[in-house]
Amino acid sequence: ANGDAWRAAAIVSGNFPGSPAILHYNFVLTGDQIEKLEI
């Protein structure tokens, strides 16, 4: 976390070439809500 910004590295498995893969989920929170998500 950096203030209201969170970066999560995740192992993502599913129906896609290269599964599983590590993806990054970049969130910006305002209070108890997600304002922005970039994957």
PDB file of all heavy atoms in Angstrom:
ATOM      1  N   ALA A   1       0.840  -1.199   0.000  1.00  0.00           N
ATOM      2  CA  ALA A   1       0.000   0.000   0.000  1.00  0.00           C
ATOM      3  C   ALA A   1       0.871   1.242   0.000  1.00  0.00           C
ATOM      4  O   ALA A   1       1.955   1.262   0.580  1.00  0.00           O
ATOM      5  CB  ALA A   1      -0.913   0.017   1.220  1.00  0.00           C
ATOM      6  N   ASN A   2       0.355   2.276  -0.677  1.00  0.00           N
ATOM      7  CA  ASN A   2       0.947   3.603  -0.649  1.00  0.00           C
ATOM      8  C   ASN A   2      -0.216   4.567  -0.520  1.00  0.00           C
ATOM      9  O   ASN A   2      -0.833   4.941  -1.518  1.00  0.00           O
ATOM     10  CB  ASN A   2       1.770   3.856  -1.916  1.00  0.00           C
ATOM     11  CG  ASN A   2       2.465   5.201  -1.889  1.00  0.00           C
ATOM     12  OD1 ASN A   2       2.415   5.914  -0.892  1.00  0.00           O
ATOM     13  ND2 ASN A   2       3.101   5.544  -2.994  1.00  0.00           N
ATOM     14  N   GLY A   3      -0.567   4.893   0.712  1.00  0.00           N
ATOM     15  CA  GLY A   3      -1.758   5.702   0.949  1.00  0.00           C
ATOM     16  C   GLY A   3      -2.996   4.918   0.563  1.00  0.00           C
ATOM     17  O   GLY A   3      -3.207   3.806   1.040  1.00  0.00           O
ATOM     18  N   ASP A   4      -3.807   5.483  -0.344  1.00  0.00           N
ATOM     19  CA  ASP A   4      -5.029   4.817  -0.791  1.00  0.00           C
ATOM     20  C   ASP A   4      -4.807   3.916  -2.002  1.00  0.00           C
ATOM     21  O   ASP A   4      -5.753   3.348  -2.531  1.00  0.00           O
ATOM     22  CB  ASP A   4      -6.100   5.860  -1.141  1.00  0.00           C
ATOM     23  CG  ASP A   4      -6.620   6.571   0.097  1.00  0.00           C
ATOM     24  OD1 ASP A   4      -6.586   5.975   1.188  1.00  0.00           O
ATOM     25  OD2 ASP A   4      -7.057   7.730  -0.032  1.00  0.00           O
ATOM     26  N   ALA A   5      -3.560   3.821  -2.439  1.00  0.00           N
ATOM     27  CA  ALA A   5      -3.241   2.983  -3.600  1.00  0.00           C
ATOM     28  C   ALA A   5      -2.697   1.637  -3.119  1.00  0.00           C
ATOM     29  O   ALA A   5      -1.801   1.591  -2.268  1.00  0.00           O
ATOM     30  CB  ALA A   5      -2.224   3.675  -4.491  1.00  0.00           C
ATOM     31  N   TRP A   6      -3.248   0.563  -3.647  1.00  0.00           N
ATOM     32  CA  TRP A   6      -2.812  -0.797  -3.324  1.00  0.00           C
ATOM     33  C   TRP A   6      -2.387  -1.496  -4.593  1.00  0.00           C
ATOM     34  O   TRP A   6      -3.036  -1.366  -5.634  1.00  0.00           O
ATOM     35  CB  TRP A   6      -3.958  -1.586  -2.686  1.00  0.00           C
ATOM     36  CG  TRP A   6      -4.133  -1.275  -1.244  1.00  0.00           C
ATOM     37  CD1 TRP A   6      -4.774  -0.198  -0.704  1.00  0.00           C
ATOM     38  CD2 TRP A   6      -3.657  -2.053  -0.153  1.00  0.00           C
ATOM     39  NE1 TRP A   6      -4.723  -0.261   0.659  1.00  0.00           N
ATOM     40  CE2 TRP A   6      -4.051  -1.399   1.021  1.00  0.00           C
ATOM     41  CE3 TRP A   6      -2.949  -3.251  -0.061  1.00  0.00           C
ATOM     42  CZ2 TRP A   6      -3.751  -1.895   2.284  1.00  0.00           C
ATOM     43  CZ3 TRP A   6      -2.662  -3.751   1.200  1.00  0.00           C
ATOM     44  CH2 TRP A   6      -3.056  -3.067   2.356  1.00  0.00           C
ATOM     45  N   ARG A   7      -1.303  -2.262  -4.502  1.00  0.00           N
ATOM     46  CA  ARG A   7      -0.820  -3.078  -5.613  1.00  0.00           C
ATOM     47  C   ARG A   7      -0.754  -4.518  -5.124  1.00  0.00           C
ATOM     48  O   ARG A   7      -0.048  -4.820  -4.157  1.00  0.00           O
ATOM     49  CB  ARG A   7       0.548  -2.600  -6.081  1.00  0.00           C
ATOM     50  CG  ARG A   7       1.102  -3.409  -7.247  1.00  0.00           C
ATOM     51  CD  ARG A   7       2.398  -2.759  -7.747  1.00  0.00           C
ATOM     52  NE  ARG A   7       3.077  -3.532  -8.758  1.00  0.00           N
ATOM     53  CZ  ARG A   7       2.839  -3.477 -10.061  1.00  0.00           C
ATOM     54  NH1 ARG A   7       1.893  -2.671 -10.520  1.00  0.00           N
ATOM     55  NH2 ARG A   7       3.525  -4.206 -10.908  1.00  0.00           N
ATOM     56  N   ALA A   8      -1.498  -5.382  -5.782  1.00  0.00           N
ATOM     57  CA  ALA A   8      -1.518  -6.799  -5.429  1.00  0.00           C
ATOM     58  C   ALA A   8      -0.942  -7.610  -6.576  1.00  0.00           C
ATOM     59  O   ALA A   8      -1.381  -7.477  -7.721  1.00  0.00           O
ATOM     60  CB  ALA A   8      -2.944  -7.252  -5.131  1.00  0.00           C
ATOM     61  N   ALA A   9       0.052  -8.429  -6.268  1.00  0.00           N
ATOM     62  CA  ALA A   9       0.577  -9.394  -7.231  1.00  0.00           C
ATOM     63  C   ALA A   9      -0.166 -10.698  -6.967  1.00  0.00           C
ATOM     64  O   ALA A   9      -0.230 -11.155  -5.821  1.00  0.00           O
ATOM     65  CB  ALA A   9       2.076  -9.583  -7.046  1.00  0.00           C
ATOM     66  N   ALA A  10      -0.737 -11.276  -8.014  1.00  0.00           N
ATOM     67  CA  ALA A  10      -1.578 -12.452  -7.828  1.00  0.00           C
ATOM     68  C   ALA A  10      -1.272 -13.530  -8.855  1.00  0.00           C
ATOM     69  O   ALA A  10      -0.941 -13.232 -10.002  1.00  0.00           O
ATOM     70  CB  ALA A  10      -3.053 -12.056  -7.931  1.00  0.00           C
ATOM     71  N   ILE A  11      -1.396 -14.764  -8.409  1.00  0.00           N
ATOM     72  CA  ILE A  11      -1.292 -15.909  -9.303  1.00  0.00           C
ATOM     73  C   ILE A  11      -2.701 -16.142  -9.843  1.00  0.00           C
ATOM     74  O   ILE A  11      -3.628 -16.438  -9.082  1.00  0.00           O
ATOM     75  CB  ILE A  11      -0.768 -17.142  -8.562  1.00  0.00           C
ATOM     76  CG1 ILE A  11       0.608 -16.844  -7.966  1.00  0.00           C
ATOM     77  CG2 ILE A  11      -0.717 -18.348  -9.497  1.00  0.00           C
ATOM     78  CD1 ILE A  11       1.059 -17.841  -6.917  1.00  0.00           C
ATOM     79  N   VAL A  12      -2.847 -15.980 -11.150  1.00  0.00           N
ATOM     80  CA  VAL A  12      -4.154 -16.067 -11.801  1.00  0.00           C
ATOM     81  C   VAL A  12      -4.176 -17.322 -12.663  1.00  0.00           C
ATOM     82  O   VAL A  12      -3.333 -17.511 -13.532  1.00  0.00           O
ATOM     83  CB  VAL A  12      -4.424 -14.811 -12.664  1.00  0.00           C
ATOM     84  CG1 VAL A  12      -5.776 -14.892 -13.335  1.00  0.00           C
ATOM     85  CG2 VAL A  12      -4.320 -13.555 -11.801  1.00  0.00           C
ATOM     86  N   SER A  13      -5.156 -18.176 -12.384  1.00  0.00           N
ATOM     87  CA  SER A  13      -5.327 -19.419 -13.141  1.00  0.00           C
ATOM     88  C   SER A  13      -6.683 -19.394 -13.817  1.00  0.00           C
ATOM     89  O   SER A  13      -7.658 -18.916 -13.240  1.00  0.00           O
ATOM     90  CB  SER A  13      -5.260 -20.624 -12.200  1.00  0.00           C
ATOM     91  OG  SER A  13      -4.030 -20.655 -11.520  1.00  0.00           O
ATOM     92  N   GLY A  14      -6.725 -19.919 -15.038  1.00  0.00           N
ATOM     93  CA  GLY A  14      -8.006 -19.957 -15.737  1.00  0.00           C
ATOM     94  C   GLY A  14      -7.848 -20.474 -17.146  1.00  0.00           C
ATOM     95  O   GLY A  14      -6.843 -21.098 -17.499  1.00  0.00           O
ATOM     96  N   ASN A  15      -8.834 -20.156 -17.943  1.00  0.00           N
ATOM     97  CA  ASN A  15      -8.914 -20.625 -19.317  1.00  0.00           C
ATOM     98  C   ASN A  15      -8.258 -19.606 -20.253  1.00  0.00           C
ATOM     99  O   ASN A  15      -8.939 -18.894 -20.971  1.00  0.00           O
ATOM    100  CB  ASN A  15     -10.393 -20.843 -19.687  1.00  0.00           C
ATOM    101  CG  ASN A  15     -10.542 -21.420 -21.063  1.00  0.00           C
ATOM    102  OD1 ASN A  15      -9.641 -22.063 -21.591  1.00  0.00           O
ATOM    103  ND2 ASN A  15     -11.694 -21.179 -21.673  1.00  0.00           N
ATOM    104  N   PHE A  16      -6.928 -19.527 -20.204  1.00  0.00           N
ATOM    105  CA  PHE A  16      -6.194 -18.627 -21.099  1.00  0.00           C
ATOM    106  C   PHE A  16      -4.795 -19.189 -21.312  1.00  0.00           C
ATOM    107  O   PHE A  16      -4.270 -19.901 -20.452  1.00  0.00           O
ATOM    108  CB  PHE A  16      -6.152 -17.202 -20.539  1.00  0.00           C
ATOM    109  CG  PHE A  16      -5.489 -17.072 -19.195  1.00  0.00           C
ATOM    110  CD1 PHE A  16      -4.119 -16.845 -19.091  1.00  0.00           C
ATOM    111  CD2 PHE A  16      -6.236 -17.174 -18.032  1.00  0.00           C
ATOM    112  CE1 PHE A  16      -3.513 -16.718 -17.857  1.00  0.00           C
ATOM    113  CE2 PHE A  16      -5.628 -17.055 -16.788  1.00  0.00           C
ATOM    114  CZ  PHE A  16      -4.264 -16.817 -16.701  1.00  0.00           C
ATOM    115  N   PRO A  17      -4.177 -18.890 -22.451  1.00  0.00           N
ATOM    116  CA  PRO A  17      -2.819 -19.364 -22.721  1.00  0.00           C
ATOM    117  C   PRO A  17      -1.837 -18.839 -21.669  1.00  0.00           C
ATOM    118  O   PRO A  17      -1.911 -17.683 -21.275  1.00  0.00           O
ATOM    119  CB  PRO A  17      -2.482 -18.789 -24.101  1.00  0.00           C
ATOM    120  CG  PRO A  17      -3.795 -18.451 -24.713  1.00  0.00           C
ATOM    121  CD  PRO A  17      -4.718 -18.118 -23.569  1.00  0.00           C
ATOM    122  N   GLY A  18      -0.953 -19.698 -21.197  1.00  0.00           N
ATOM    123  CA  GLY A  18       0.036 -19.294 -20.212  1.00  0.00           C
ATOM    124  C   GLY A  18      -0.437 -19.398 -18.775  1.00  0.00           C
ATOM    125  O   GLY A  18       0.274 -18.993 -17.859  1.00  0.00           O
ATOM    126  N   SER A  19      -1.637 -19.935 -18.561  1.00  0.00           N
ATOM    127  CA  SER A  19      -2.167 -20.088 -17.205  1.00  0.00           C
ATOM    128  C   SER A  19      -1.362 -21.155 -16.465  1.00  0.00           C
ATOM    129  O   SER A  19      -1.033 -22.185 -17.055  1.00  0.00           O
ATOM    130  CB  SER A  19      -3.632 -20.509 -17.267  1.00  0.00           C
ATOM    131  OG  SER A  19      -4.132 -20.768 -15.966  1.00  0.00           O
ATOM    132  N   PRO A  20      -1.033 -20.923 -15.214  1.00  0.00           N
ATOM    133  CA  PRO A  20      -1.252 -19.713 -14.431  1.00  0.00           C
ATOM    134  C   PRO A  20      -0.227 -18.635 -14.778  1.00  0.00           C
ATOM    135  O   PRO A  20       0.850 -18.933 -15.273  1.00  0.00           O
ATOM    136  CB  PRO A  20      -1.086 -20.183 -12.994  1.00  0.00           C
ATOM    137  CG  PRO A  20      -0.128 -21.325 -13.078  1.00  0.00           C
ATOM    138  CD  PRO A  20      -0.383 -21.980 -14.417  1.00  0.00           C
ATOM    139  N   ALA A  21      -0.604 -17.402 -14.481  1.00  0.00           N
ATOM    140  CA  ALA A  21       0.265 -16.252 -14.737  1.00  0.00           C
ATOM    141  C   ALA A  21       0.211 -15.311 -13.538  1.00  0.00           C
ATOM    142  O   ALA A  21      -0.764 -15.313 -12.783  1.00  0.00           O
ATOM    143  CB  ALA A  21      -0.195 -15.511 -15.986  1.00  0.00           C
ATOM    144  N   ILE A  22       1.245 -14.520 -13.380  1.00  0.00           N
ATOM    145  CA  ILE A  22       1.239 -13.499 -12.331  1.00  0.00           C
ATOM    146  C   ILE A  22       0.760 -12.193 -12.958  1.00  0.00           C
ATOM    147  O   ILE A  22       1.322 -11.730 -13.950  1.00  0.00           O
ATOM    148  CB  ILE A  22       2.623 -13.323 -11.693  1.00  0.00           C
ATOM    149  CG1 ILE A  22       3.004 -14.610 -10.966  1.00  0.00           C
ATOM    150  CG2 ILE A  22       2.622 -12.117 -10.741  1.00  0.00           C
ATOM    151  CD1 ILE A  22       4.351 -14.591 -10.301  1.00  0.00           C
ATOM    152  N   LEU A  23      -0.312 -11.660 -12.403  1.00  0.00           N
ATOM    153  CA  LEU A  23      -0.837 -10.370 -12.837  1.00  0.00           C
ATOM    154  C   LEU A  23      -0.804  -9.410 -11.660  1.00  0.00           C
ATOM    155  O   LEU A  23      -0.835  -9.827 -10.497  1.00  0.00           O
ATOM    156  CB  LEU A  23      -2.275 -10.506 -13.352  1.00  0.00           C
ATOM    157  CG  LEU A  23      -2.473 -11.321 -14.630  1.00  0.00           C
ATOM    158  CD1 LEU A  23      -3.943 -11.358 -15.006  1.00  0.00           C
ATOM    159  CD2 LEU A  23      -1.649 -10.756 -15.770  1.00  0.00           C
ATOM    160  N   HIS A  24      -0.758  -8.138 -11.979  1.00  0.00           N
ATOM    161  CA  HIS A  24      -0.780  -7.096 -10.951  1.00  0.00           C
ATOM    162  C   HIS A  24      -2.110  -6.353 -11.012  1.00  0.00           C
ATOM    163  O   HIS A  24      -2.539  -5.932 -12.084  1.00  0.00           O
ATOM    164  CB  HIS A  24       0.398  -6.138 -11.142  1.00  0.00           C
ATOM    165  CG  HIS A  24       1.705  -6.806 -10.880  1.00  0.00           C
ATOM    166  ND1 HIS A  24       2.446  -7.388 -11.872  1.00  0.00           N
ATOM    167  CD2 HIS A  24       2.376  -7.015  -9.725  1.00  0.00           C
ATOM    168  CE1 HIS A  24       3.531  -7.924 -11.348  1.00  0.00           C
ATOM    169  NE2 HIS A  24       3.517  -7.712 -10.049  1.00  0.00           N
ATOM    170  N   TYR A  25      -2.712  -6.229  -9.857  1.00  0.00           N
ATOM    171  CA  TYR A  25      -3.964  -5.506  -9.689  1.00  0.00           C
ATOM    172  C   TYR A  25      -3.635  -4.220  -8.943  1.00  0.00           C
ATOM    173  O   TYR A  25      -3.201  -4.262  -7.791  1.00  0.00           O
ATOM    174  CB  TYR A  25      -4.954  -6.338  -8.871  1.00  0.00           C
ATOM    175  CG  TYR A  25      -5.472  -7.557  -9.584  1.00  0.00           C
ATOM    176  CD1 TYR A  25      -4.683  -8.686  -9.776  1.00  0.00           C
ATOM    177  CD2 TYR A  25      -6.780  -7.586 -10.070  1.00  0.00           C
ATOM    178  CE1 TYR A  25      -5.161  -9.802 -10.421  1.00  0.00           C
ATOM    179  CE2 TYR A  25      -7.272  -8.705 -10.712  1.00  0.00           C
ATOM    180  CZ  TYR A  25      -6.457  -9.810 -10.892  1.00  0.00           C
ATOM    181  OH  TYR A  25      -6.942 -10.923 -11.536  1.00  0.00           O
ATOM    182  N   ASN A  26      -3.822  -3.085  -9.599  1.00  0.00           N
ATOM    183  CA  ASN A  26      -3.532  -1.775  -9.000  1.00  0.00           C
ATOM    184  C   ASN A  26      -4.855  -1.089  -8.681  1.00  0.00           C
ATOM    185  O   ASN A  26      -5.625  -0.767  -9.591  1.00  0.00           O
ATOM    186  CB  ASN A  26      -2.699  -0.928  -9.961  1.00  0.00           C
ATOM    187  CG  ASN A  26      -1.341  -1.563 -10.194  1.00  0.00           C
ATOM    188  OD1 ASN A  26      -0.524  -1.621  -9.293  1.00  0.00           O
ATOM    189  ND2 ASN A  26      -1.111  -2.053 -11.394  1.00  0.00           N
ATOM    190  N   PHE A  27      -5.102  -0.906  -7.397  1.00  0.00           N
ATOM    191  CA  PHE A  27      -6.349  -0.320  -6.919  1.00  0.00           C
ATOM    192  C   PHE A  27      -6.109   1.071  -6.349  1.00  0.00           C
ATOM    193  O   PHE A  27      -5.059   1.325  -5.750  1.00  0.00           O
ATOM    194  CB  PHE A  27      -6.925  -1.155  -5.765  1.00  0.00           C
ATOM    195  CG  PHE A  27      -7.354  -2.536  -6.113  1.00  0.00           C
ATOM    196  CD1 PHE A  27      -6.471  -3.603  -6.018  1.00  0.00           C
ATOM    197  CD2 PHE A  27      -8.662  -2.794  -6.517  1.00  0.00           C
ATOM    198  CE1 PHE A  27      -6.867  -4.897  -6.312  1.00  0.00           C
ATOM    199  CE2 PHE A  27      -9.065  -4.089  -6.810  1.00  0.00           C
ATOM    200  CZ  PHE A  27      -8.170  -5.145  -6.707  1.00  0.00           C
ATOM    201  N   VAL A  28      -7.100   1.935  -6.494  1.00  0.00           N
ATOM    202  CA  VAL A  28      -7.153   3.192  -5.751  1.00  0.00           C
ATOM    203  C   VAL A  28      -8.469   3.151  -4.984  1.00  0.00           C
ATOM    204  O   VAL A  28      -9.543   2.920  -5.574  1.00  0.00           O
ATOM    205  CB  VAL A  28      -7.096   4.428  -6.676  1.00  0.00           C
ATOM    206  CG1 VAL A  28      -7.278   5.701  -5.855  1.00  0.00           C
ATOM    207  CG2 VAL A  28      -5.780   4.461  -7.442  1.00  0.00           C
ATOM    208  N   LEU A  29      -8.370   3.338  -3.672  1.00  0.00           N
ATOM    209  CA  LEU A  29      -9.546   3.288  -2.808  1.00  0.00           C
ATOM    210  C   LEU A  29      -9.931   4.686  -2.356  1.00  0.00           C
ATOM    211  O   LEU A  29      -9.072   5.552  -2.182  1.00  0.00           O
ATOM    212  CB  LEU A  29      -9.258   2.435  -1.569  1.00  0.00           C
ATOM    213  CG  LEU A  29      -8.798   1.009  -1.809  1.00  0.00           C
ATOM    214  CD1 LEU A  29      -8.525   0.313  -0.484  1.00  0.00           C
ATOM    215  CD2 LEU A  29      -9.818   0.235  -2.617  1.00  0.00           C
ATOM    216  N   THR A  30     -11.219   4.881  -2.169  1.00  0.00           N
ATOM    217  CA  THR A  30     -11.740   6.067  -1.502  1.00  0.00           C
ATOM    218  C   THR A  30     -12.633   5.544  -0.392  1.00  0.00           C
ATOM    219  O   THR A  30     -13.692   4.975  -0.662  1.00  0.00           O
ATOM    220  CB  THR A  30     -12.536   6.969  -2.470  1.00  0.00           C
ATOM    221  OG1 THR A  30     -11.662   7.393  -3.509  1.00  0.00           O
ATOM    222  CG2 THR A  30     -13.078   8.186  -1.737  1.00  0.00           C
ATOM    223  N   GLY A  31     -12.160   5.676   0.839  1.00  0.00           N
ATOM    224  CA  GLY A  31     -12.894   5.110   1.960  1.00  0.00           C
ATOM    225  C   GLY A  31     -12.977   3.609   1.803  1.00  0.00           C
ATOM    226  O   GLY A  31     -11.960   2.933   1.644  1.00  0.00           O
ATOM    227  N   ASP A  32     -14.190   3.090   1.792  1.00  0.00           N
ATOM    228  CA  ASP A  32     -14.417   1.649   1.704  1.00  0.00           C
ATOM    229  C   ASP A  32     -14.865   1.242   0.298  1.00  0.00           C
ATOM    230  O   ASP A  32     -15.592   0.264   0.145  1.00  0.00           O
ATOM    231  CB  ASP A  32     -15.458   1.237   2.752  1.00  0.00           C
ATOM    232  CG  ASP A  32     -15.256  -0.202   3.227  1.00  0.00           C
ATOM    233  OD1 ASP A  32     -14.129  -0.706   3.121  1.00  0.00           O
ATOM    234  OD2 ASP A  32     -16.232  -0.806   3.700  1.00  0.00           O
ATOM    235  N   GLN A  33     -14.458   2.020  -0.713  1.00  0.00           N
ATOM    236  CA  GLN A  33     -14.861   1.712  -2.084  1.00  0.00           C
ATOM    237  C   GLN A  33     -13.664   1.746  -3.040  1.00  0.00           C
ATOM    238  O   GLN A  33     -12.719   2.503  -2.830  1.00  0.00           O
ATOM    239  CB  GLN A  33     -15.914   2.709  -2.577  1.00  0.00           C
ATOM    240  CG  GLN A  33     -17.232   2.597  -1.853  1.00  0.00           C
ATOM    241  CD  GLN A  33     -18.275   3.469  -2.512  1.00  0.00           C
ATOM    242  OE1 GLN A  33     -18.029   4.629  -2.791  1.00  0.00           O
ATOM    243  NE2 GLN A  33     -19.440   2.894  -2.756  1.00  0.00           N
ATOM    244  N   ILE A  34     -13.761   0.945  -4.074  1.00  0.00           N
ATOM    245  CA  ILE A  34     -12.754   0.930  -5.134  1.00  0.00           C
ATOM    246  C   ILE A  34     -13.125   2.019  -6.136  1.00  0.00           C
ATOM    247  O   ILE A  34     -14.214   1.991  -6.704  1.00  0.00           O
ATOM    248  CB  ILE A  34     -12.685  -0.443  -5.832  1.00  0.00           C
ATOM    249  CG1 ILE A  34     -12.271  -1.529  -4.849  1.00  0.00           C
ATOM    250  CG2 ILE A  34     -11.726  -0.390  -7.032  1.00  0.00           C
ATOM    251  CD1 ILE A  34     -12.437  -2.951  -5.374  1.00  0.00           C
ATOM    252  N   GLU A  35     -12.219   2.968  -6.326  1.00  0.00           N
ATOM    253  CA  GLU A  35     -12.421   4.040  -7.321  1.00  0.00           C
ATOM    254  C   GLU A  35     -11.798   3.671  -8.661  1.00  0.00           C
ATOM    255  O   GLU A  35     -12.284   4.075  -9.697  1.00  0.00           O
ATOM    256  CB  GLU A  35     -11.782   5.351  -6.830  1.00  0.00           C
ATOM    257  CG  GLU A  35     -12.559   6.065  -5.776  1.00  0.00           C
ATOM    258  CD  GLU A  35     -13.908   6.574  -6.251  1.00  0.00           C
ATOM    259  OE1 GLU A  35     -14.031   6.979  -7.432  1.00  0.00           O
ATOM    260  OE2 GLU A  35     -14.836   6.548  -5.447  1.00  0.00           O
ATOM    261  N   LYS A  36     -10.687   2.921  -8.597  1.00  0.00           N
ATOM    262  CA  LYS A  36      -9.965   2.599  -9.821  1.00  0.00           C
ATOM    263  C   LYS A  36      -9.298   1.240  -9.667  1.00  0.00           C
ATOM    264  O   LYS A  36      -8.765   0.916  -8.616  1.00  0.00           O
ATOM    265  CB  LYS A  36      -8.905   3.669 -10.083  1.00  0.00           C
ATOM    266  CG  LYS A  36      -8.120   3.477 -11.357  1.00  0.00           C
ATOM    267  CD  LYS A  36      -7.116   4.621 -11.528  1.00  0.00           C
ATOM    268  CE  LYS A  36      -6.278   4.398 -12.770  1.00  0.00           C
ATOM    269  NZ  LYS A  36      -5.214   5.393 -12.880  1.00  0.00           N
ATOM    270  N   LEU A  37      -9.347   0.457 -10.745  1.00  0.00           N
ATOM    271  CA  LEU A  37      -8.660  -0.822 -10.814  1.00  0.00           C
ATOM    272  C   LEU A  37      -7.993  -0.911 -12.179  1.00  0.00           C
ATOM    273  O   LEU A  37      -8.642  -0.688 -13.202  1.00  0.00           O
ATOM    274  CB  LEU A  37      -9.630  -1.988 -10.638  1.00  0.00           C
ATOM    275  CG  LEU A  37      -9.094  -3.391 -10.988  1.00  0.00           C
ATOM    276  CD1 LEU A  37      -7.873  -3.755 -10.162  1.00  0.00           C
ATOM    277  CD2 LEU A  37     -10.197  -4.425 -10.818  1.00  0.00           C
ATOM    278  N   GLU A  38      -6.709  -1.210 -12.162  1.00  0.00           N
ATOM    279  CA  GLU A  38      -5.963  -1.429 -13.386  1.00  0.00           C
ATOM    280  C   GLU A  38      -5.280  -2.783 -13.273  1.00  0.00           C
ATOM    281  O   GLU A  38      -4.601  -3.058 -12.281  1.00  0.00           O
ATOM    282  CB  GLU A  38      -4.941  -0.316 -13.582  1.00  0.00           C
ATOM    283  CG  GLU A  38      -4.527  -0.137 -15.000  1.00  0.00           C
ATOM    284  CD  GLU A  38      -3.777   1.174 -15.219  1.00  0.00           C
ATOM    285  OE1 GLU A  38      -4.266   2.234 -14.765  1.00  0.00           O
ATOM    286  OE2 GLU A  38      -2.709   1.104 -15.837  1.00  0.00           O
ATOM    287  N   ILE A  39      -5.481  -3.650 -14.278  1.00  0.00           N
ATOM    288  CA  ILE A  39      -4.937  -4.998 -14.249  1.00  0.00           C
ATOM    289  C   ILE A  39      -3.922  -5.142 -15.378  1.00  0.00           C
ATOM    290  O   ILE A  39      -4.198  -4.750 -16.514  1.00  0.00           O
ATOM    291  CB  ILE A  39      -6.048  -6.052 -14.419  1.00  0.00           C
ATOM    292  CG1 ILE A  39      -7.120  -5.892 -13.339  1.00  0.00           C
ATOM    293  CG2 ILE A  39      -5.454  -7.468 -14.386  1.00  0.00           C
ATOM    294  CD1 ILE A  39      -8.366  -6.716 -13.552  1.00  0.00           C
TER     295      ILE A  39
END
